[in-house]
Amino acid sequence: MVSALSDLRIKGSSLHLLDDKKSIEDGLSSALRQNDVLMLSGGVSKGKFDFIPDVMEALGVEKIFHRVAQRPGKPFWFGVHKEFNTVIFSFPGNPVSTFANYHLYFLPWLFSSWGIKIENQHAKLTVELEIQPPLTRFIQVSTHWQDSCLQVTPVVENGSGDLTSLSRADGFICLEPRKSVYKAGELVHFVRTR
């Protein structure tokens, strides 16, 4: 995430915490006091070492929400420490999940905080896709221009731990679950990542 922030000319710092509840609490207690915004990766799912929600509660952070009906990035946790005025984005640990939620939640929040309006972008699907309930899908796509229209084609990927697929993707399309299929040629919401 420090690298992604550097693209925006924001100097970030990184902190690595062990999978130990006390270490996480000590590290985050200090980080909450020293930063306006924290972006965390990992520790928010339902695993044995996913301590972030409990630690945040113990540190007095108000949880705004935990879990979003989407894939990838469902376990996303968001909260605010009102005393320190610190905003916390706690993303799932898988790289595609973190990368997607950074672009879907953090960047829009940041630009809105700066008073910058982001226009929604749409593109045409090149293939038919079916999205079954209950989760909204953010699908990695490559892009090309044809007939003066941006076209998007899904990238072959192997789940939210597949870093290689990110190198082939230009962004994500947002497809909500519905009974009818998304047809080739249909306009869909597109989030550019490069």
N, C-alpha and C. Protein backbone atom coordinates (compact mmCIF):
# COMPACT_ATOMS: atom_id res chain seq x y z
N MET A 1 0.81 -1.19 0.00
CA MET A 1 0.00 0.00 0.00
C MET A 1 0.86 1.25 0.00
N VAL A 2 2.04 1.17 0.60
CA VAL A 2 2.95 2.32 0.59
C VAL A 2 3.32 2.67 -0.85
N SER A 3 3.53 1.64 -1.67
CA SER A 3 3.86 1.87 -3.07
C SER A 3 2.69 2.51 -3.81
N ALA A 4 1.48 2.05 -3.54
CA ALA A 4 0.29 2.64 -4.19
C ALA A 4 0.14 4.09 -3.78
N LEU A 5 0.39 4.41 -2.52
CA LEU A 5 0.29 5.79 -2.06
C LEU A 5 1.35 6.67 -2.70
N SER A 6 2.53 6.11 -2.96
CA SER A 6 3.59 6.91 -3.58
C SER A 6 3.21 7.36 -4.97
N ASP A 7 2.34 6.60 -5.67
CA ASP A 7 1.84 7.02 -6.98
C ASP A 7 1.03 8.30 -6.86
N LEU A 8 0.47 8.56 -5.69
CA LEU A 8 -0.31 9.77 -5.43
C LEU A 8 0.54 10.86 -4.77
N ARG A 9 1.84 10.59 -4.66
CA ARG A 9 2.79 11.51 -4.00
C ARG A 9 2.48 11.68 -2.52
N ILE A 10 1.98 10.59 -1.93
CA ILE A 10 1.74 10.56 -0.49
C ILE A 10 2.82 9.68 0.13
N LYS A 11 3.49 10.22 1.11
CA LYS A 11 4.53 9.43 1.78
C LYS A 11 3.88 8.65 2.92
N GLY A 12 3.83 7.36 2.78
CA GLY A 12 3.29 6.49 3.82
C GLY A 12 4.40 5.77 4.53
N SER A 13 4.08 5.17 5.64
CA SER A 13 5.05 4.34 6.36
C SER A 13 4.40 2.98 6.59
N SER A 14 5.22 1.98 6.79
CA SER A 14 4.69 0.64 6.99
C SER A 14 5.05 0.12 8.37
N LEU A 15 4.21 -0.76 8.86
CA LEU A 15 4.39 -1.37 10.17
C LEU A 15 4.02 -2.83 10.03
N HIS A 16 4.93 -3.71 10.39
CA HIS A 16 4.64 -5.15 10.32
C HIS A 16 4.37 -5.65 11.74
N LEU A 17 3.23 -6.29 11.90
CA LEU A 17 2.84 -6.81 13.22
C LEU A 17 2.76 -8.33 13.19
N LEU A 18 3.23 -8.97 14.23
CA LEU A 18 3.17 -10.41 14.34
C LEU A 18 1.73 -10.86 14.61
N ASP A 19 1.43 -12.13 14.34
CA ASP A 19 0.10 -12.69 14.61
C ASP A 19 -0.04 -13.00 16.10
N ASP A 20 0.09 -11.97 16.89
CA ASP A 20 0.01 -12.08 18.35
C ASP A 20 -0.85 -10.91 18.83
N LYS A 21 -1.91 -11.22 19.57
CA LYS A 21 -2.88 -10.20 19.95
C LYS A 21 -2.25 -9.03 20.70
N LYS A 22 -1.37 -9.32 21.64
CA LYS A 22 -0.74 -8.26 22.44
C LYS A 22 0.16 -7.39 21.56
N SER A 23 0.91 -8.01 20.65
CA SER A 23 1.78 -7.24 19.76
C SER A 23 0.96 -6.33 18.85
N ILE A 24 -0.16 -6.86 18.36
CA ILE A 24 -1.03 -6.07 17.49
C ILE A 24 -1.63 -4.89 18.27
N GLU A 25 -2.08 -5.17 19.48
CA GLU A 25 -2.67 -4.10 20.29
C GLU A 25 -1.65 -3.00 20.60
N ASP A 26 -0.45 -3.40 20.97
CA ASP A 26 0.60 -2.41 21.27
C ASP A 26 0.95 -1.58 20.02
N GLY A 27 1.13 -2.28 18.90
CA GLY A 27 1.49 -1.59 17.66
C GLY A 27 0.41 -0.64 17.17
N LEU A 28 -0.83 -1.08 17.23
CA LEU A 28 -1.93 -0.24 16.75
C LEU A 28 -2.26 0.89 17.71
N SER A 29 -2.05 0.67 18.99
CA SER A 29 -2.28 1.73 19.97
C SER A 29 -1.40 2.93 19.65
N SER A 30 -0.15 2.66 19.33
CA SER A 30 0.78 3.72 18.97
C SER A 30 0.43 4.32 17.60
N ALA A 31 0.12 3.47 16.63
CA ALA A 31 -0.19 3.93 15.27
C ALA A 31 -1.43 4.81 15.24
N LEU A 32 -2.43 4.50 16.05
CA LEU A 32 -3.65 5.30 16.10
C LEU A 32 -3.38 6.73 16.55
N ARG A 33 -2.42 6.89 17.46
CA ARG A 33 -2.10 8.22 17.98
C ARG A 33 -1.27 9.03 16.98
N GLN A 34 -0.52 8.35 16.13
CA GLN A 34 0.46 9.03 15.27
C GLN A 34 -0.01 9.27 13.84
N ASN A 35 -1.19 8.75 13.46
CA ASN A 35 -1.61 8.83 12.06
C ASN A 35 -3.06 9.28 11.94
N ASP A 36 -3.34 9.97 10.83
CA ASP A 36 -4.72 10.36 10.52
C ASP A 36 -5.49 9.20 9.90
N VAL A 37 -4.78 8.35 9.17
CA VAL A 37 -5.40 7.23 8.46
C VAL A 37 -4.53 6.00 8.63
N LEU A 38 -5.17 4.86 8.92
CA LEU A 38 -4.46 3.58 8.93
C LEU A 38 -5.09 2.69 7.87
N MET A 39 -4.24 2.03 7.11
CA MET A 39 -4.68 0.99 6.18
C MET A 39 -4.00 -0.30 6.60
N LEU A 40 -4.82 -1.27 6.97
CA LEU A 40 -4.29 -2.55 7.43
C LEU A 40 -4.64 -3.62 6.43
N SER A 41 -3.82 -4.65 6.39
CA SER A 41 -4.09 -5.79 5.52
C SER A 41 -3.96 -7.08 6.33
N GLY A 42 -5.06 -7.82 6.42
CA GLY A 42 -5.06 -9.09 7.15
C GLY A 42 -5.64 -8.95 8.55
N GLY A 43 -6.04 -10.09 9.09
CA GLY A 43 -6.51 -10.13 10.46
C GLY A 43 -7.97 -9.81 10.68
N VAL A 44 -8.79 -9.78 9.59
CA VAL A 44 -10.20 -9.39 9.74
C VAL A 44 -11.19 -10.49 9.36
N SER A 45 -10.68 -11.65 8.99
CA SER A 45 -11.59 -12.73 8.60
C SER A 45 -12.06 -13.49 9.85
N LYS A 46 -12.24 -14.79 9.75
CA LYS A 46 -12.71 -15.57 10.89
C LYS A 46 -11.70 -16.62 11.32
N GLY A 47 -10.44 -16.39 10.98
CA GLY A 47 -9.40 -17.35 11.31
C GLY A 47 -8.91 -17.24 12.75
N LYS A 48 -8.08 -18.18 13.11
CA LYS A 48 -7.54 -18.29 14.47
C LYS A 48 -6.75 -17.04 14.88
N PHE A 49 -6.07 -16.40 13.92
CA PHE A 49 -5.22 -15.26 14.23
C PHE A 49 -5.80 -13.93 13.73
N ASP A 50 -7.09 -13.89 13.45
CA ASP A 50 -7.72 -12.66 12.96
C ASP A 50 -8.21 -11.82 14.14
N PHE A 51 -7.26 -11.07 14.72
CA PHE A 51 -7.50 -10.34 15.97
C PHE A 51 -7.96 -8.90 15.79
N ILE A 52 -7.92 -8.38 14.57
CA ILE A 52 -8.14 -6.94 14.38
C ILE A 52 -9.48 -6.45 14.95
N PRO A 53 -10.62 -7.09 14.66
CA PRO A 53 -11.88 -6.55 15.22
C PRO A 53 -11.86 -6.45 16.75
N ASP A 54 -11.35 -7.47 17.43
CA ASP A 54 -11.30 -7.44 18.90
C ASP A 54 -10.33 -6.37 19.41
N VAL A 55 -9.19 -6.25 18.75
CA VAL A 55 -8.20 -5.26 19.17
C VAL A 55 -8.74 -3.85 18.97
N MET A 56 -9.41 -3.62 17.85
CA MET A 56 -9.98 -2.29 17.59
C MET A 56 -11.00 -1.92 18.66
N GLU A 57 -11.81 -2.87 19.03
CA GLU A 57 -12.81 -2.61 20.08
C GLU A 57 -12.11 -2.27 21.40
N ALA A 58 -11.07 -3.03 21.72
CA ALA A 58 -10.33 -2.80 22.97
C ALA A 58 -9.65 -1.43 22.97
N LEU A 59 -9.28 -0.93 21.80
CA LEU A 59 -8.59 0.36 21.69
C LEU A 59 -9.56 1.54 21.55
N GLY A 60 -10.85 1.25 21.61
CA GLY A 60 -11.84 2.34 21.55
C GLY A 60 -12.18 2.82 20.16
N VAL A 61 -11.90 1.98 19.15
CA VAL A 61 -12.24 2.35 17.78
C VAL A 61 -13.70 1.97 17.52
N GLU A 62 -14.46 2.91 16.97
CA GLU A 62 -15.85 2.64 16.64
C GLU A 62 -15.92 1.91 15.30
N LYS A 63 -16.49 0.72 15.32
CA LYS A 63 -16.67 -0.03 14.07
C LYS A 63 -17.85 0.58 13.31
N ILE A 64 -17.61 0.97 12.07
CA ILE A 64 -18.69 1.47 11.22
C ILE A 64 -19.35 0.28 10.51
N PHE A 65 -18.53 -0.61 9.97
CA PHE A 65 -19.05 -1.86 9.43
C PHE A 65 -17.94 -2.90 9.35
N HIS A 66 -18.35 -4.15 9.27
CA HIS A 66 -17.43 -5.28 9.09
C HIS A 66 -18.12 -6.28 8.18
N ARG A 67 -17.52 -6.55 7.06
CA ARG A 67 -18.00 -7.46 6.02
C ARG A 67 -18.89 -6.72 5.02
N VAL A 68 -18.62 -6.99 3.77
CA VAL A 68 -19.37 -6.42 2.66
C VAL A 68 -19.78 -7.58 1.76
N ALA A 69 -20.99 -7.55 1.22
CA ALA A 69 -21.49 -8.64 0.38
C ALA A 69 -20.87 -8.56 -1.00
N GLN A 70 -19.59 -8.89 -1.07
CA GLN A 70 -18.85 -8.80 -2.32
C GLN A 70 -17.75 -9.86 -2.36
N ARG A 71 -17.24 -10.10 -3.56
CA ARG A 71 -16.07 -10.95 -3.75
C ARG A 71 -15.25 -10.35 -4.88
N PRO A 72 -13.94 -10.14 -4.68
CA PRO A 72 -13.15 -10.39 -3.48
C PRO A 72 -13.32 -9.25 -2.46
N GLY A 73 -12.84 -9.49 -1.26
CA GLY A 73 -12.78 -8.44 -0.24
C GLY A 73 -13.90 -8.43 0.76
N LYS A 74 -14.63 -9.52 0.88
CA LYS A 74 -15.80 -9.57 1.78
C LYS A 74 -15.50 -9.21 3.24
N PRO A 75 -14.39 -9.64 3.85
CA PRO A 75 -14.19 -9.38 5.29
C PRO A 75 -13.81 -7.94 5.65
N PHE A 76 -13.77 -7.03 4.70
CA PHE A 76 -13.35 -5.63 4.91
C PHE A 76 -13.98 -5.03 6.18
N TRP A 77 -13.12 -4.39 7.00
CA TRP A 77 -13.53 -3.76 8.26
C TRP A 77 -13.20 -2.27 8.18
N PHE A 78 -14.13 -1.41 8.63
CA PHE A 78 -13.91 0.03 8.58
C PHE A 78 -14.35 0.66 9.89
N GLY A 79 -13.53 1.55 10.43
CA GLY A 79 -13.89 2.19 11.68
C GLY A 79 -13.19 3.53 11.88
N VAL A 80 -13.55 4.21 12.97
CA VAL A 80 -13.02 5.54 13.28
C VAL A 80 -12.72 5.61 14.78
N HIS A 81 -11.55 6.16 15.10
CA HIS A 81 -11.24 6.46 16.50
C HIS A 81 -11.52 7.95 16.69
N LYS A 82 -12.61 8.26 17.36
CA LYS A 82 -13.07 9.65 17.44
C LYS A 82 -12.15 10.52 18.28
N GLU A 83 -11.56 9.98 19.34
CA GLU A 83 -10.67 10.78 20.18
C GLU A 83 -9.43 11.24 19.42
N PHE A 84 -8.84 10.33 18.64
CA PHE A 84 -7.63 10.66 17.88
C PHE A 84 -7.95 11.15 16.46
N ASN A 85 -9.23 11.08 16.08
CA ASN A 85 -9.66 11.47 14.74
C ASN A 85 -8.92 10.66 13.67
N THR A 86 -8.81 9.35 13.90
CA THR A 86 -8.12 8.45 12.98
C THR A 86 -9.13 7.56 12.27
N VAL A 87 -8.98 7.47 10.95
CA VAL A 87 -9.85 6.62 10.13
C VAL A 87 -9.09 5.33 9.82
N ILE A 88 -9.76 4.19 9.96
CA ILE A 88 -9.10 2.90 9.77
C ILE A 88 -9.78 2.09 8.68
N PHE A 89 -9.02 1.74 7.65
CA PHE A 89 -9.44 0.83 6.60
C PHE A 89 -8.69 -0.48 6.84
N SER A 90 -9.39 -1.53 7.21
CA SER A 90 -8.74 -2.80 7.48
C SER A 90 -9.18 -3.82 6.43
N PHE A 91 -8.30 -4.06 5.48
CA PHE A 91 -8.60 -4.91 4.34
C PHE A 91 -8.27 -6.37 4.63
N PRO A 92 -8.93 -7.31 3.91
CA PRO A 92 -8.53 -8.71 4.02
C PRO A 92 -7.08 -8.89 3.58
N GLY A 93 -6.46 -9.98 4.00
CA GLY A 93 -5.04 -10.18 3.75
C GLY A 93 -4.66 -10.65 2.36
N ASN A 94 -5.58 -11.26 1.62
CA ASN A 94 -5.23 -11.72 0.28
C ASN A 94 -4.95 -10.51 -0.62
N PRO A 95 -3.91 -10.58 -1.45
CA PRO A 95 -3.49 -9.40 -2.21
C PRO A 95 -4.56 -8.84 -3.15
N VAL A 96 -5.32 -9.68 -3.83
CA VAL A 96 -6.34 -9.17 -4.75
C VAL A 96 -7.44 -8.47 -3.95
N SER A 97 -7.80 -9.02 -2.80
CA SER A 97 -8.81 -8.40 -1.94
C SER A 97 -8.35 -7.02 -1.46
N THR A 98 -7.12 -6.93 -0.99
CA THR A 98 -6.57 -5.66 -0.53
C THR A 98 -6.53 -4.66 -1.68
N PHE A 99 -6.04 -5.09 -2.83
CA PHE A 99 -5.91 -4.22 -4.00
C PHE A 99 -7.27 -3.72 -4.47
N ALA A 100 -8.24 -4.62 -4.50
CA ALA A 100 -9.59 -4.23 -4.93
C ALA A 100 -10.19 -3.22 -3.96
N ASN A 101 -10.14 -3.50 -2.66
CA ASN A 101 -10.76 -2.61 -1.69
C ASN A 101 -10.04 -1.26 -1.59
N TYR A 102 -8.76 -1.24 -1.84
CA TYR A 102 -8.02 0.03 -1.90
C TYR A 102 -8.64 0.92 -2.98
N HIS A 103 -8.89 0.33 -4.15
CA HIS A 103 -9.46 1.12 -5.26
C HIS A 103 -10.95 1.38 -5.12
N LEU A 104 -11.66 0.47 -4.49
CA LEU A 104 -13.11 0.61 -4.39
C LEU A 104 -13.55 1.49 -3.22
N TYR A 105 -12.77 1.53 -2.15
CA TYR A 105 -13.18 2.25 -0.95
C TYR A 105 -12.22 3.36 -0.54
N PHE A 106 -10.94 3.02 -0.44
CA PHE A 106 -10.00 4.03 0.05
C PHE A 106 -9.86 5.19 -0.91
N LEU A 107 -9.58 4.94 -2.18
CA LEU A 107 -9.36 6.04 -3.12
C LEU A 107 -10.58 6.95 -3.26
N PRO A 108 -11.80 6.40 -3.41
CA PRO A 108 -12.96 7.31 -3.46
C PRO A 108 -13.09 8.15 -2.19
N TRP A 109 -12.83 7.55 -1.02
CA TRP A 109 -12.88 8.30 0.24
C TRP A 109 -11.82 9.41 0.23
N LEU A 110 -10.61 9.07 -0.18
CA LEU A 110 -9.52 10.04 -0.20
C LEU A 110 -9.83 11.21 -1.13
N PHE A 111 -10.25 10.91 -2.37
CA PHE A 111 -10.54 11.97 -3.33
C PHE A 111 -11.71 12.83 -2.85
N SER A 112 -12.71 12.20 -2.26
CA SER A 112 -13.84 12.95 -1.71
C SER A 112 -13.37 13.87 -0.58
N SER A 113 -12.45 13.38 0.26
CA SER A 113 -11.89 14.19 1.34
C SER A 113 -11.15 15.41 0.79
N TRP A 114 -10.55 15.25 -0.38
CA TRP A 114 -9.82 16.34 -1.03
C TRP A 114 -10.74 17.24 -1.85
N GLY A 115 -12.03 16.88 -1.94
CA GLY A 115 -12.96 17.66 -2.75
C GLY A 115 -12.86 17.37 -4.24
N ILE A 116 -12.27 16.22 -4.58
CA ILE A 116 -12.14 15.84 -5.99
C ILE A 116 -13.26 14.88 -6.36
N LYS A 117 -14.01 15.24 -7.39
CA LYS A 117 -15.12 14.39 -7.83
C LYS A 117 -14.61 13.39 -8.86
N ILE A 118 -14.95 12.12 -8.66
CA ILE A 118 -14.56 11.07 -9.59
C ILE A 118 -15.79 10.68 -10.41
N GLU A 119 -15.65 10.76 -11.71
CA GLU A 119 -16.75 10.37 -12.58
C GLU A 119 -16.79 8.85 -12.70
N ASN A 120 -17.99 8.29 -12.64
CA ASN A 120 -18.14 6.85 -12.88
C ASN A 120 -17.78 6.54 -14.32
N GLN A 121 -17.11 5.44 -14.52
CA GLN A 121 -16.71 5.03 -15.87
C GLN A 121 -17.41 3.73 -16.21
N HIS A 122 -17.82 3.61 -17.47
CA HIS A 122 -18.48 2.39 -17.93
C HIS A 122 -17.74 1.84 -19.14
N ALA A 123 -17.90 0.56 -19.36
CA ALA A 123 -17.26 -0.11 -20.49
C ALA A 123 -18.18 -1.24 -20.97
N LYS A 124 -17.92 -1.69 -22.19
CA LYS A 124 -18.73 -2.76 -22.77
C LYS A 124 -18.09 -4.12 -22.52
N LEU A 125 -18.92 -5.04 -22.06
CA LEU A 125 -18.47 -6.43 -21.89
C LEU A 125 -18.24 -7.08 -23.26
N THR A 126 -17.21 -7.90 -23.33
CA THR A 126 -16.98 -8.64 -24.58
C THR A 126 -17.49 -10.08 -24.49
N VAL A 127 -17.89 -10.49 -23.30
CA VAL A 127 -18.37 -11.86 -23.09
C VAL A 127 -19.64 -11.84 -22.23
N GLU A 128 -20.34 -12.95 -22.20
CA GLU A 128 -21.52 -13.09 -21.34
C GLU A 128 -21.08 -13.59 -19.97
N LEU A 129 -21.67 -13.02 -18.91
CA LEU A 129 -21.32 -13.42 -17.55
C LEU A 129 -22.57 -13.60 -16.71
N GLU A 130 -22.57 -14.62 -15.87
CA GLU A 130 -23.68 -14.86 -14.97
C GLU A 130 -23.19 -14.67 -13.53
N ILE A 131 -23.91 -13.84 -12.78
CA ILE A 131 -23.53 -13.55 -11.39
C ILE A 131 -24.65 -14.02 -10.47
N GLN A 132 -24.36 -15.08 -9.73
CA GLN A 132 -25.35 -15.66 -8.82
C GLN A 132 -25.35 -14.93 -7.48
N PRO A 133 -26.52 -14.79 -6.84
CA PRO A 133 -26.58 -14.20 -5.49
C PRO A 133 -25.77 -15.06 -4.52
N PRO A 134 -25.34 -14.51 -3.41
CA PRO A 134 -25.74 -13.21 -2.87
C PRO A 134 -24.69 -12.11 -3.05
N LEU A 135 -23.52 -12.41 -3.61
CA LEU A 135 -22.41 -11.45 -3.58
C LEU A 135 -22.27 -10.65 -4.86
N THR A 136 -22.02 -9.35 -4.72
CA THR A 136 -21.59 -8.54 -5.85
C THR A 136 -20.18 -8.97 -6.20
N ARG A 137 -19.90 -9.05 -7.48
CA ARG A 137 -18.57 -9.49 -7.93
C ARG A 137 -17.78 -8.34 -8.52
N PHE A 138 -16.52 -8.26 -8.15
CA PHE A 138 -15.58 -7.34 -8.77
C PHE A 138 -14.60 -8.20 -9.55
N ILE A 139 -14.75 -8.17 -10.86
CA ILE A 139 -14.02 -9.08 -11.73
C ILE A 139 -12.89 -8.33 -12.42
N GLN A 140 -11.69 -8.90 -12.34
CA GLN A 140 -10.53 -8.30 -13.00
C GLN A 140 -10.70 -8.38 -14.51
N VAL A 141 -10.37 -7.28 -15.18
CA VAL A 141 -10.53 -7.24 -16.64
C VAL A 141 -9.34 -6.56 -17.29
N SER A 142 -9.12 -6.95 -18.54
CA SER A 142 -8.21 -6.20 -19.41
C SER A 142 -9.09 -5.34 -20.32
N THR A 143 -8.50 -4.30 -20.88
CA THR A 143 -9.28 -3.36 -21.69
C THR A 143 -8.67 -3.17 -23.07
N HIS A 144 -9.51 -2.78 -24.00
CA HIS A 144 -9.05 -2.30 -25.31
C HIS A 144 -10.15 -1.42 -25.89
N TRP A 145 -9.76 -0.60 -26.84
CA TRP A 145 -10.73 0.28 -27.49
C TRP A 145 -11.18 -0.33 -28.81
N GLN A 146 -12.46 -0.24 -29.06
CA GLN A 146 -13.02 -0.71 -30.34
C GLN A 146 -14.25 0.14 -30.66
N ASP A 147 -14.30 0.64 -31.87
CA ASP A 147 -15.42 1.49 -32.30
C ASP A 147 -15.66 2.63 -31.32
N SER A 148 -14.59 3.28 -30.89
CA SER A 148 -14.64 4.43 -29.97
C SER A 148 -15.28 4.10 -28.63
N CYS A 149 -15.23 2.84 -28.24
CA CYS A 149 -15.82 2.43 -26.95
C CYS A 149 -14.83 1.53 -26.21
N LEU A 150 -14.72 1.75 -24.90
CA LEU A 150 -13.85 0.92 -24.08
C LEU A 150 -14.48 -0.46 -23.90
N GLN A 151 -13.73 -1.50 -24.22
CA GLN A 151 -14.21 -2.88 -24.11
C GLN A 151 -13.45 -3.57 -22.97
N VAL A 152 -14.15 -4.43 -22.23
CA VAL A 152 -13.52 -5.14 -21.12
C VAL A 152 -13.70 -6.65 -21.25
N THR A 153 -12.62 -7.37 -20.98
CA THR A 153 -12.62 -8.83 -21.05
C THR A 153 -12.07 -9.38 -19.73
N PRO A 154 -12.79 -10.31 -19.07
CA PRO A 154 -12.29 -10.87 -17.81
C PRO A 154 -10.91 -11.51 -17.96
N VAL A 155 -10.09 -11.32 -16.94
CA VAL A 155 -8.76 -11.92 -16.88
C VAL A 155 -8.88 -13.26 -16.18
N VAL A 156 -8.20 -14.27 -16.70
CA VAL A 156 -8.20 -15.57 -16.04
C VAL A 156 -7.44 -15.44 -14.73
N GLU A 157 -8.07 -15.85 -13.63
CA GLU A 157 -7.43 -15.72 -12.32
C GLU A 157 -7.77 -16.91 -11.45
N ASN A 158 -6.96 -17.08 -10.40
CA ASN A 158 -7.11 -18.22 -9.49
C ASN A 158 -7.40 -17.77 -8.07
N GLY A 159 -8.37 -16.88 -7.91
CA GLY A 159 -8.77 -16.46 -6.57
C GLY A 159 -8.04 -15.23 -6.07
N SER A 160 -8.36 -14.85 -4.83
CA SER A 160 -7.88 -13.58 -4.29
C SER A 160 -6.42 -13.61 -3.84
N GLY A 161 -5.75 -14.74 -3.98
CA GLY A 161 -4.33 -14.80 -3.67
C GLY A 161 -3.45 -14.75 -4.91
N ASP A 162 -4.07 -14.58 -6.08
CA ASP A 162 -3.36 -14.66 -7.36
C ASP A 162 -2.81 -13.30 -7.78
N LEU A 163 -1.55 -13.04 -7.41
CA LEU A 163 -0.90 -11.79 -7.78
C LEU A 163 -0.67 -11.66 -9.28
N THR A 164 -0.44 -12.78 -9.96
CA THR A 164 -0.15 -12.74 -11.39
C THR A 164 -1.30 -12.12 -12.17
N SER A 165 -2.53 -12.44 -11.76
CA SER A 165 -3.68 -11.90 -12.49
C SER A 165 -3.73 -10.38 -12.41
N LEU A 166 -3.29 -9.81 -11.28
CA LEU A 166 -3.29 -8.35 -11.15
C LEU A 166 -2.38 -7.70 -12.19
N SER A 167 -1.29 -8.37 -12.55
CA SER A 167 -0.37 -7.80 -13.53
C SER A 167 -0.97 -7.76 -14.93
N ARG A 168 -2.01 -8.56 -15.16
CA ARG A 168 -2.65 -8.59 -16.48
C ARG A 168 -3.93 -7.76 -16.54
N ALA A 169 -4.36 -7.25 -15.39
CA ALA A 169 -5.65 -6.53 -15.33
C ALA A 169 -5.44 -5.02 -15.37
N ASP A 170 -6.38 -4.35 -16.02
CA ASP A 170 -6.39 -2.88 -16.07
C ASP A 170 -7.37 -2.30 -15.06
N GLY A 171 -8.18 -3.18 -14.45
CA GLY A 171 -9.17 -2.70 -13.49
C GLY A 171 -10.16 -3.79 -13.15
N PHE A 172 -11.26 -3.37 -12.54
CA PHE A 172 -12.34 -4.28 -12.13
C PHE A 172 -13.66 -3.80 -12.72
N ILE A 173 -14.53 -4.75 -13.05
CA ILE A 173 -15.91 -4.39 -13.34
C ILE A 173 -16.76 -4.81 -12.15
N CYS A 174 -17.81 -4.04 -11.90
CA CYS A 174 -18.70 -4.28 -10.77
C CYS A 174 -20.00 -4.89 -11.31
N LEU A 175 -20.27 -6.13 -10.92
CA LEU A 175 -21.49 -6.82 -11.38
C LEU A 175 -22.29 -7.28 -10.17
N GLU A 176 -23.47 -6.71 -10.02
CA GLU A 176 -24.36 -7.12 -8.93
C GLU A 176 -25.07 -8.41 -9.31
N PRO A 177 -25.41 -9.24 -8.33
CA PRO A 177 -26.12 -10.48 -8.65
C PRO A 177 -27.51 -10.18 -9.20
N ARG A 178 -27.90 -10.94 -10.21
CA ARG A 178 -29.24 -10.78 -10.79
C ARG A 178 -29.63 -12.05 -11.51
N LYS A 179 -30.92 -12.17 -11.81
CA LYS A 179 -31.42 -13.39 -12.46
C LYS A 179 -30.96 -13.50 -13.90
N SER A 180 -30.96 -12.38 -14.61
CA SER A 180 -30.56 -12.42 -16.02
C SER A 180 -29.04 -12.32 -16.14
N VAL A 181 -28.50 -12.88 -17.21
CA VAL A 181 -27.06 -12.83 -17.44
C VAL A 181 -26.66 -11.44 -17.93
N TYR A 182 -25.42 -11.10 -17.70
CA TYR A 182 -24.85 -9.90 -18.31
C TYR A 182 -24.41 -10.28 -19.71
N LYS A 183 -24.93 -9.60 -20.70
CA LYS A 183 -24.68 -9.99 -22.09
C LYS A 183 -23.48 -9.26 -22.68
N ALA A 184 -22.85 -9.91 -23.64
CA ALA A 184 -21.77 -9.26 -24.39
C ALA A 184 -22.34 -8.00 -25.03
N GLY A 185 -21.60 -6.91 -24.92
CA GLY A 185 -22.06 -5.63 -25.45
C GLY A 185 -22.75 -4.75 -24.42
N GLU A 186 -23.06 -5.32 -23.25
CA GLU A 186 -23.73 -4.56 -22.20
C GLU A 186 -22.74 -3.62 -21.51
N LEU A 187 -23.20 -2.40 -21.19
CA LEU A 187 -22.37 -1.45 -20.46
C LEU A 187 -22.37 -1.80 -18.97
N VAL A 188 -21.18 -1.84 -18.38
CA VAL A 188 -21.05 -2.17 -16.96
C VAL A 188 -20.12 -1.14 -16.31
N HIS A 189 -20.25 -1.02 -14.98
CA HIS A 189 -19.41 -0.09 -14.23
C HIS A 189 -17.97 -0.62 -14.21
N PHE A 190 -17.02 0.27 -14.50
CA PHE A 190 -15.60 -0.09 -14.59
C PHE A 190 -14.79 0.77 -13.64
N VAL A 191 -13.92 0.14 -12.86
CA VAL A 191 -12.99 0.85 -11.95
C VAL A 191 -11.57 0.60 -12.45
N ARG A 192 -10.95 1.67 -12.97
CA ARG A 192 -9.59 1.53 -13.51
C ARG A 192 -8.58 1.48 -12.38
N THR A 193 -7.61 0.58 -12.50
CA THR A 193 -6.56 0.48 -11.48
C THR A 193 -5.19 0.83 -12.03
N ARG A 194 -5.10 1.04 -13.34
CA ARG A 194 -3.82 1.52 -13.92
C ARG A 194 -4.07 2.16 -15.26
